Amino acid sequence: FGQCCAPFITGEQIPETPGQLMRSRYTAYTQ
């Protein structure tokens, strides 16, 4: 989680691709 979606969800990084955004949005749904 720390290497993948956490940096996007916490705002530390911005997703660079739609795929990264999709993965982080799925993870946000799990939370």
Full PDB file with SEQRES, HELIX, SHEET, SSBOND, CRYST1, ORIGX, SCALE, CONECT and MASTER records, all heavy atoms in Angstrom:
SEQRES   1 A   31  PHE GLY GLN CYS CYS ALA PRO PHE ILE THR GLY GLU GLN          
SEQRES   2 A   31  ILE PRO GLU THR PRO GLY GLN LEU MET ARG SER ARG TYR          
SEQRES   3 A   31  THR ALA TYR THR GLN                                          
HELIX    1 AA1 ALA A    6  ILE A    9  1                                   4    
HELIX    2 AA2 PRO A   18  THR A   30  1                                  13    
CRYST1    1.000    1.000    1.000  90.00  90.00  90.00 P 1           1          
ORIGX1      1.000000  0.000000  0.000000        0.00000                         
ORIGX2      0.000000  1.000000  0.000000        0.00000                         
ORIGX3      0.000000  0.000000  1.000000        0.00000                         
SCALE1      1.000000  0.000000  0.000000        0.00000                         
SCALE2      0.000000  1.000000  0.000000        0.00000                         
SCALE3      0.000000  0.000000  1.000000        0.00000                         
ATOM      1  N   PHE A   1       0.836  -1.199   0.000  1.00  0.00           N  
ATOM      2  CA  PHE A   1       0.000   0.000   0.000  1.00  0.00           C  
ATOM      3  C   PHE A   1       0.872   1.252   0.000  1.00  0.00           C  
ATOM      4  O   PHE A   1       0.612   2.209  -0.727  1.00  0.00           O  
ATOM      5  CB  PHE A   1      -0.931  -0.035   1.221  1.00  0.00           C  
ATOM      6  CG  PHE A   1      -1.776   1.185   1.389  1.00  0.00           C  
ATOM      7  CD1 PHE A   1      -2.683   1.566   0.414  1.00  0.00           C  
ATOM      8  CD2 PHE A   1      -1.682   1.948   2.541  1.00  0.00           C  
ATOM      9  CE1 PHE A   1      -3.483   2.694   0.580  1.00  0.00           C  
ATOM     10  CE2 PHE A   1      -2.479   3.074   2.720  1.00  0.00           C  
ATOM     11  CZ  PHE A   1      -3.373   3.454   1.734  1.00  0.00           C  
ATOM     12  N   GLY A   2       1.947   1.239   0.785  1.00  0.00           N  
ATOM     13  CA  GLY A   2       2.847   2.388   0.867  1.00  0.00           C  
ATOM     14  C   GLY A   2       3.562   2.691  -0.432  1.00  0.00           C  
ATOM     15  O   GLY A   2       3.859   3.844  -0.735  1.00  0.00           O  
ATOM     16  N   GLN A   3       3.846   1.652  -1.236  1.00  0.00           N  
ATOM     17  CA  GLN A   3       4.530   1.842  -2.515  1.00  0.00           C  
ATOM     18  C   GLN A   3       3.564   2.183  -3.638  1.00  0.00           C  
ATOM     19  O   GLN A   3       3.964   2.698  -4.664  1.00  0.00           O  
ATOM     20  CB  GLN A   3       5.256   0.551  -2.916  1.00  0.00           C  
ATOM     21  CG  GLN A   3       6.362   0.131  -2.008  1.00  0.00           C  
ATOM     22  CD  GLN A   3       6.843  -1.280  -2.361  1.00  0.00           C  
ATOM     23  OE1 GLN A   3       6.055  -2.172  -2.640  1.00  0.00           O  
ATOM     24  NE2 GLN A   3       8.151  -1.466  -2.311  1.00  0.00           N  
ATOM     25  N   CYS A   4       2.298   1.865  -3.452  1.00  0.00           N  
ATOM     26  CA  CYS A   4       1.348   1.950  -4.558  1.00  0.00           C  
ATOM     27  C   CYS A   4       0.373   3.116  -4.385  1.00  0.00           C  
ATOM     28  O   CYS A   4       0.631   4.213  -4.853  1.00  0.00           O  
ATOM     29  CB  CYS A   4       0.602   0.615  -4.674  1.00  0.00           C  
ATOM     30  SG  CYS A   4      -0.395   0.448  -6.162  1.00  0.00           S  
ATOM     31  N   CYS A   5      -0.747   2.889  -3.719  1.00  0.00           N  
ATOM     32  CA  CYS A   5      -1.833   3.875  -3.681  1.00  0.00           C  
ATOM     33  C   CYS A   5      -1.736   4.901  -2.545  1.00  0.00           C  
ATOM     34  O   CYS A   5      -2.288   5.990  -2.671  1.00  0.00           O  
ATOM     35  CB  CYS A   5      -3.183   3.150  -3.607  1.00  0.00           C  
ATOM     36  SG  CYS A   5      -3.567   2.257  -5.142  1.00  0.00           S  
ATOM     37  N   ALA A   6      -1.057   4.569  -1.471  1.00  0.00           N  
ATOM     38  CA  ALA A   6      -1.000   5.487  -0.322  1.00  0.00           C  
ATOM     39  C   ALA A   6      -0.489   6.878  -0.685  1.00  0.00           C  
ATOM     40  O   ALA A   6      -1.094   7.873  -0.273  1.00  0.00           O  
ATOM     41  CB  ALA A   6      -0.169   4.890   0.810  1.00  0.00           C  
ATOM     42  N   PRO A   7       0.606   7.007  -1.456  1.00  0.00           N  
ATOM     43  CA  PRO A   7       1.085   8.359  -1.769  1.00  0.00           C  
ATOM     44  C   PRO A   7       0.055   9.218  -2.518  1.00  0.00           C  
ATOM     45  O   PRO A   7       0.031  10.439  -2.365  1.00  0.00           O  
ATOM     46  CB  PRO A   7       2.321   8.109  -2.638  1.00  0.00           C  
ATOM     47  CG  PRO A   7       2.761   6.730  -2.292  1.00  0.00           C  
ATOM     48  CD  PRO A   7       1.501   5.974  -1.990  1.00  0.00           C  
ATOM     49  N   PHE A   8      -0.814   8.578  -3.310  1.00  0.00           N  
ATOM     50  CA  PHE A   8      -1.842   9.330  -4.031  1.00  0.00           C  
ATOM     51  C   PHE A   8      -2.972   9.732  -3.090  1.00  0.00           C  
ATOM     52  O   PHE A   8      -3.429  10.870  -3.096  1.00  0.00           O  
ATOM     53  CB  PHE A   8      -2.390   8.509  -5.197  1.00  0.00           C  
ATOM     54  CG  PHE A   8      -1.324   8.033  -6.155  1.00  0.00           C  
ATOM     55  CD1 PHE A   8      -1.277   6.711  -6.557  1.00  0.00           C  
ATOM     56  CD2 PHE A   8      -0.358   8.903  -6.650  1.00  0.00           C  
ATOM     57  CE1 PHE A   8      -0.291   6.277  -7.440  1.00  0.00           C  
ATOM     58  CE2 PHE A   8       0.621   8.478  -7.524  1.00  0.00           C  
ATOM     59  CZ  PHE A   8       0.656   7.148  -7.920  1.00  0.00           C  
ATOM     60  N   ILE A   9      -3.404   8.779  -2.268  1.00  0.00           N  
ATOM     61  CA  ILE A   9      -4.534   9.029  -1.363  1.00  0.00           C  
ATOM     62  C   ILE A   9      -4.180  10.073  -0.310  1.00  0.00           C  
ATOM     63  O   ILE A   9      -5.015  10.900   0.055  1.00  0.00           O  
ATOM     64  CB  ILE A   9      -5.026   7.708  -0.747  1.00  0.00           C  
ATOM     65  CG1 ILE A   9      -5.668   6.839  -1.857  1.00  0.00           C  
ATOM     66  CG2 ILE A   9      -6.011   7.945   0.382  1.00  0.00           C  
ATOM     67  CD1 ILE A   9      -6.018   5.434  -1.436  1.00  0.00           C  
ATOM     68  N   THR A  10      -2.936  10.058   0.142  1.00  0.00           N  
ATOM     69  CA  THR A  10      -2.508  11.034   1.151  1.00  0.00           C  
ATOM     70  C   THR A  10      -2.159  12.392   0.548  1.00  0.00           C  
ATOM     71  O   THR A  10      -1.948  13.357   1.270  1.00  0.00           O  
ATOM     72  CB  THR A  10      -1.278  10.523   1.934  1.00  0.00           C  
ATOM     73  OG1 THR A  10      -0.194  10.333   1.011  1.00  0.00           O  
ATOM     74  CG2 THR A  10      -1.593   9.241   2.692  1.00  0.00           C  
ATOM     75  N   GLY A  11      -2.066  12.465  -0.781  1.00  0.00           N  
ATOM     76  CA  GLY A  11      -1.738  13.725  -1.443  1.00  0.00           C  
ATOM     77  C   GLY A  11      -0.247  13.975  -1.591  1.00  0.00           C  
ATOM     78  O   GLY A  11       0.156  15.035  -2.056  1.00  0.00           O  
ATOM     79  N   GLU A  12       0.588  13.000  -1.212  1.00  0.00           N  
ATOM     80  CA  GLU A  12       2.036  13.161  -1.350  1.00  0.00           C  
ATOM     81  C   GLU A  12       2.460  13.169  -2.818  1.00  0.00           C  
ATOM     82  O   GLU A  12       3.462  13.783  -3.169  1.00  0.00           O  
ATOM     83  CB  GLU A  12       2.773  12.042  -0.613  1.00  0.00           C  
ATOM     84  CG  GLU A  12       2.599  12.086   0.887  1.00  0.00           C  
ATOM     85  CD  GLU A  12       3.188  10.857   1.558  1.00  0.00           C  
ATOM     86  OE1 GLU A  12       4.170  10.276   1.040  1.00  0.00           O  
ATOM     87  OE2 GLU A  12       2.654  10.456   2.608  1.00  0.00           O  
ATOM     88  N   GLN A  13       1.702  12.443  -3.653  1.00  0.00           N  
ATOM     89  CA  GLN A  13       1.982  12.382  -5.082  1.00  0.00           C  
ATOM     90  C   GLN A  13       0.675  12.520  -5.849  1.00  0.00           C  
ATOM     91  O   GLN A  13      -0.402  12.304  -5.300  1.00  0.00           O  
ATOM     92  CB  GLN A  13       2.635  11.044  -5.455  1.00  0.00           C  
ATOM     93  CG  GLN A  13       4.010  10.828  -4.885  1.00  0.00           C  
ATOM     94  CD  GLN A  13       4.566   9.459  -5.287  1.00  0.00           C  
ATOM     95  OE1 GLN A  13       4.096   8.826  -6.228  1.00  0.00           O  
ATOM     96  NE2 GLN A  13       5.571   9.004  -4.552  1.00  0.00           N  
ATOM     97  N   ILE A  14       0.800  12.846  -7.117  1.00  0.00           N  
ATOM     98  CA  ILE A  14      -0.355  12.942  -8.013  1.00  0.00           C  
ATOM     99  C   ILE A  14      -0.249  11.785  -9.013  1.00  0.00           C  
ATOM    100  O   ILE A  14       0.820  11.581  -9.595  1.00  0.00           O  
ATOM    101  CB  ILE A  14      -0.348  14.290  -8.763  1.00  0.00           C  
ATOM    102  CG1 ILE A  14      -0.482  15.438  -7.780  1.00  0.00           C  
ATOM    103  CG2 ILE A  14      -1.463  14.332  -9.799  1.00  0.00           C  
ATOM    104  CD1 ILE A  14      -0.258  16.803  -8.401  1.00  0.00           C  
ATOM    105  N   PRO A  15      -1.321  11.029  -9.230  1.00  0.00           N  
ATOM    106  CA  PRO A  15      -1.261   9.952 -10.219  1.00  0.00           C  
ATOM    107  C   PRO A  15      -0.847  10.492 -11.589  1.00  0.00           C  
ATOM    108  O   PRO A  15      -1.365  11.509 -12.046  1.00  0.00           O  
ATOM    109  CB  PRO A  15      -2.694   9.406 -10.254  1.00  0.00           C  
ATOM    110  CG  PRO A  15      -3.265   9.773  -8.918  1.00  0.00           C  
ATOM    111  CD  PRO A  15      -2.640  11.085  -8.573  1.00  0.00           C  
ATOM    112  N   GLU A  16       0.096   9.799 -12.223  1.00  0.00           N  
ATOM    113  CA  GLU A  16       0.610  10.236 -13.517  1.00  0.00           C  
ATOM    114  C   GLU A  16      -0.149   9.647 -14.690  1.00  0.00           C  
ATOM    115  O   GLU A  16       0.020  10.098 -15.823  1.00  0.00           O  
ATOM    116  CB  GLU A  16       2.096   9.880 -13.633  1.00  0.00           C  
ATOM    117  CG  GLU A  16       2.957  10.612 -12.628  1.00  0.00           C  
ATOM    118  CD  GLU A  16       4.419  10.192 -12.698  1.00  0.00           C  
ATOM    119  OE1 GLU A  16       4.806   9.451 -13.638  1.00  0.00           O  
ATOM    120  OE2 GLU A  16       5.179  10.607 -11.814  1.00  0.00           O  
ATOM    121  N   THR A  17      -0.973   8.620 -14.437  1.00  0.00           N  
ATOM    122  CA  THR A  17      -1.728   7.965 -15.505  1.00  0.00           C  
ATOM    123  C   THR A  17      -3.154   7.688 -15.030  1.00  0.00           C  
ATOM    124  O   THR A  17      -3.409   7.621 -13.817  1.00  0.00           O  
ATOM    125  CB  THR A  17      -1.089   6.622 -15.908  1.00  0.00           C  
ATOM    126  OG1 THR A  17      -1.212   5.711 -14.810  1.00  0.00           O  
ATOM    127  CG2 THR A  17       0.378   6.776 -16.311  1.00  0.00           C  
ATOM    128  N   PRO A  18      -4.080   7.505 -15.967  1.00  0.00           N  
ATOM    129  CA  PRO A  18      -5.430   7.104 -15.565  1.00  0.00           C  
ATOM    130  C   PRO A  18      -5.428   5.776 -14.795  1.00  0.00           C  
ATOM    131  O   PRO A  18      -6.227   5.595 -13.872  1.00  0.00           O  
ATOM    132  CB  PRO A  18      -6.180   6.974 -16.896  1.00  0.00           C  
ATOM    133  CG  PRO A  18      -5.446   7.863 -17.834  1.00  0.00           C  
ATOM    134  CD  PRO A  18      -4.005   7.771 -17.415  1.00  0.00           C  
ATOM    135  N   GLY A  19      -4.534   4.857 -15.153  1.00  0.00           N  
ATOM    136  CA  GLY A  19      -4.450   3.579 -14.443  1.00  0.00           C  
ATOM    137  C   GLY A  19      -4.082   3.756 -12.976  1.00  0.00           C  
ATOM    138  O   GLY A  19      -4.659   3.104 -12.096  1.00  0.00           O  
ATOM    139  N   GLN A  20      -3.118   4.619 -12.697  1.00  0.00           N  
ATOM    140  CA  GLN A  20      -2.752   4.890 -11.301  1.00  0.00           C  
ATOM    141  C   GLN A  20      -3.932   5.514 -10.559  1.00  0.00           C  
ATOM    142  O   GLN A  20      -4.197   5.170  -9.409  1.00  0.00           O  
ATOM    143  CB  GLN A  20      -1.541   5.826 -11.227  1.00  0.00           C  
ATOM    144  CG  GLN A  20      -0.244   5.180 -11.593  1.00  0.00           C  
ATOM    145  CD  GLN A  20       0.920   6.158 -11.531  1.00  0.00           C  
ATOM    146  OE1 GLN A  20       0.764   7.366 -11.775  1.00  0.00           O  
ATOM    147  NE2 GLN A  20       2.098   5.639 -11.213  1.00  0.00           N  
ATOM    148  N   LEU A  21      -4.634   6.432 -11.229  1.00  0.00           N  
ATOM    149  CA  LEU A  21      -5.786   7.055 -10.590  1.00  0.00           C  
ATOM    150  C   LEU A  21      -6.879   6.021 -10.336  1.00  0.00           C  
ATOM    151  O   LEU A  21      -7.476   5.993  -9.262  1.00  0.00           O  
ATOM    152  CB  LEU A  21      -6.324   8.218 -11.422  1.00  0.00           C  
ATOM    153  CG  LEU A  21      -7.521   8.953 -10.826  1.00  0.00           C  
ATOM    154  CD1 LEU A  21      -7.214   9.488  -9.427  1.00  0.00           C  
ATOM    155  CD2 LEU A  21      -7.972  10.069 -11.745  1.00  0.00           C  
ATOM    156  N   MET A  22      -7.118   5.144 -11.309  1.00  0.00           N  
ATOM    157  CA  MET A  22      -8.150   4.106 -11.134  1.00  0.00           C  
ATOM    158  C   MET A  22      -7.819   3.211  -9.959  1.00  0.00           C  
ATOM    159  O   MET A  22      -8.677   2.911  -9.123  1.00  0.00           O  
ATOM    160  CB  MET A  22      -8.268   3.278 -12.419  1.00  0.00           C  
ATOM    161  CG  MET A  22      -9.301   2.188 -12.378  1.00  0.00           C  
ATOM    162  SD  MET A  22     -10.961   2.860 -12.280  1.00  0.00           S  
ATOM    163  CE  MET A  22     -11.422   2.289 -10.683  1.00  0.00           C  
ATOM    164  N   ARG A  23      -6.578   2.747  -9.876  1.00  0.00           N  
ATOM    165  CA  ARG A  23      -6.168   1.883  -8.756  1.00  0.00           C  
ATOM    166  C   ARG A  23      -6.356   2.600  -7.420  1.00  0.00           C  
ATOM    167  O   ARG A  23      -6.861   2.029  -6.465  1.00  0.00           O  
ATOM    168  CB  ARG A  23      -4.720   1.428  -8.923  1.00  0.00           C  
ATOM    169  CG  ARG A  23      -4.535   0.418 -10.022  1.00  0.00           C  
ATOM    170  CD  ARG A  23      -3.082  -0.090 -10.106  1.00  0.00           C  
ATOM    171  NE  ARG A  23      -2.966  -1.116 -11.105  1.00  0.00           N  
ATOM    172  CZ  ARG A  23      -3.347  -2.373 -10.974  1.00  0.00           C  
ATOM    173  NH1 ARG A  23      -3.877  -2.773  -9.835  1.00  0.00           N  
ATOM    174  NH2 ARG A  23      -3.215  -3.238 -11.954  1.00  0.00           N  
ATOM    175  N   SER A  24      -5.962   3.857  -7.360  1.00  0.00           N  
ATOM    176  CA  SER A  24      -6.076   4.587  -6.094  1.00  0.00           C  
ATOM    177  C   SER A  24      -7.538   4.855  -5.755  1.00  0.00           C  
ATOM    178  O   SER A  24      -7.915   4.844  -4.577  1.00  0.00           O  
ATOM    179  CB  SER A  24      -5.267   5.884  -6.127  1.00  0.00           C  
ATOM    180  OG  SER A  24      -5.761   6.796  -7.080  1.00  0.00           O  
ATOM    181  N   ARG A  25      -8.379   5.052  -6.744  1.00  0.00           N  
ATOM    182  CA  ARG A  25      -9.811   5.240  -6.477  1.00  0.00           C  
ATOM    183  C   ARG A  25     -10.432   3.937  -5.970  1.00  0.00           C  
ATOM    184  O   ARG A  25     -11.236   3.951  -5.044  1.00  0.00           O  
ATOM    185  CB  ARG A  25     -10.536   5.746  -7.734  1.00  0.00           C  
ATOM    186  CG  ARG A  25     -10.267   7.222  -8.012  1.00  0.00           C  
ATOM    187  CD  ARG A  25     -10.914   7.689  -9.292  1.00  0.00           C  
ATOM    188  NE  ARG A  25     -12.356   7.499  -9.313  1.00  0.00           N  
ATOM    189  CZ  ARG A  25     -13.255   8.361  -8.824  1.00  0.00           C  
ATOM    190  NH1 ARG A  25     -12.846   9.512  -8.283  1.00  0.00           N  
ATOM    191  NH2 ARG A  25     -14.546   8.111  -8.899  1.00  0.00           N  
ATOM    192  N   TYR A  26     -10.054   2.809  -6.557  1.00  0.00           N  
ATOM    193  CA  TYR A  26     -10.543   1.518  -6.047  1.00  0.00           C  
ATOM    194  C   TYR A  26     -10.127   1.367  -4.576  1.00  0.00           C  
ATOM    195  O   TYR A  26     -10.942   1.012  -3.722  1.00  0.00           O  
ATOM    196  CB  TYR A  26      -9.999   0.346  -6.883  1.00  0.00           C  
ATOM    197  CG  TYR A  26     -10.291  -0.983  -6.228  1.00  0.00           C  
ATOM    198  CD1 TYR A  26     -11.516  -1.613  -6.418  1.00  0.00           C  
ATOM    199  CD2 TYR A  26      -9.366  -1.594  -5.392  1.00  0.00           C  
ATOM    200  CE1 TYR A  26     -11.808  -2.816  -5.798  1.00  0.00           C  
ATOM    201  CE2 TYR A  26      -9.644  -2.793  -4.762  1.00  0.00           C  
ATOM    202  CZ  TYR A  26     -10.864  -3.395  -4.969  1.00  0.00           C  
ATOM    203  OH  TYR A  26     -11.145  -4.587  -4.333  1.00  0.00           O  
ATOM    204  N   THR A  27      -8.866   1.637  -4.298  1.00  0.00           N  
ATOM    205  CA  THR A  27      -8.373   1.522  -2.923  1.00  0.00           C  
ATOM    206  C   THR A  27      -9.120   2.478  -2.002  1.00  0.00           C  
ATOM    207  O   THR A  27      -9.446   2.126  -0.867  1.00  0.00           O  
ATOM    208  CB  THR A  27      -6.849   1.752  -2.877  1.00  0.00           C  
ATOM    209  OG1 THR A  27      -6.225   0.722  -3.659  1.00  0.00           O  
ATOM    210  CG2 THR A  27      -6.311   1.703  -1.458  1.00  0.00           C  
ATOM    211  N   ALA A  28      -9.442   3.673  -2.474  1.00  0.00           N  
ATOM    212  CA  ALA A  28     -10.222   4.618  -1.669  1.00  0.00           C  
ATOM    213  C   ALA A  28     -11.605   4.046  -1.356  1.00  0.00           C  
ATOM    214  O   ALA A  28     -12.123   4.231  -0.252  1.00  0.00           O  
ATOM    215  CB  ALA A  28     -10.334   5.965  -2.377  1.00  0.00           C  
ATOM    216  N   TYR A  29     -12.206   3.331  -2.315  1.00  0.00           N  
ATOM    217  CA  TYR A  29     -13.489   2.678  -2.038  1.00  0.00           C  
ATOM    218  C   TYR A  29     -13.327   1.641  -0.932  1.00  0.00           C  
ATOM    219  O   TYR A  29     -14.198   1.523  -0.064  1.00  0.00           O  
ATOM    220  CB  TYR A  29     -14.071   2.016  -3.289  1.00  0.00           C  
ATOM    221  CG  TYR A  29     -14.912   2.933  -4.127  1.00  0.00           C  
ATOM    222  CD1 TYR A  29     -14.461   3.390  -5.359  1.00  0.00           C  
ATOM    223  CD2 TYR A  29     -16.163   3.344  -3.700  1.00  0.00           C  
ATOM    224  CE1 TYR A  29     -15.235   4.236  -6.139  1.00  0.00           C  
ATOM    225  CE2 TYR A  29     -16.946   4.193  -4.474  1.00  0.00           C  
ATOM    226  CZ  TYR A  29     -16.474   4.632  -5.685  1.00  0.00           C  
ATOM    227  OH  TYR A  29     -17.240   5.472  -6.452  1.00  0.00           O  
ATOM    228  N   THR A  30     -12.229   0.894  -0.928  1.00  0.00           N  
ATOM    229  CA  THR A  30     -12.030  -0.121   0.126  1.00  0.00           C  
ATOM    230  C   THR A  30     -11.923   0.532   1.498  1.00  0.00           C  
ATOM    231  O   THR A  30     -12.169  -0.111   2.501  1.00  0.00           O  
ATOM    232  CB  THR A  30     -10.786  -1.003  -0.126  1.00  0.00           C  
ATOM    233  OG1 THR A  30      -9.585  -0.259   0.096  1.00  0.00           O  
ATOM    234  CG2 THR A  30     -10.806  -1.626  -1.508  1.00  0.00           C  
ATOM    235  N   GLN A  31     -11.553   1.784   1.530  1.00  0.00           N  
ATOM    236  CA  GLN A  31     -11.420   2.543   2.777  1.00  0.00           C  
ATOM    237  C   GLN A  31     -12.612   3.461   3.030  1.00  0.00           C  
ATOM    238  O   GLN A  31     -12.631   4.175   4.029  1.00  0.00           O  
ATOM    239  CB  GLN A  31     -10.151   3.395   2.732  1.00  0.00           C  
ATOM    240  CG  GLN A  31      -8.884   2.611   2.569  1.00  0.00           C  
ATOM    241  CD  GLN A  31      -7.685   3.522   2.393  1.00  0.00           C  
ATOM    242  OE1 GLN A  31      -7.773   4.666   1.953  1.00  0.00           O  
ATOM    243  NE2 GLN A  31      -6.528   3.002   2.761  1.00  0.00           N  
TER     244      GLN A  31                                                      
MASTER        0    0    0    2    0    0    0    6  243    1    0    3          
END                                                                             
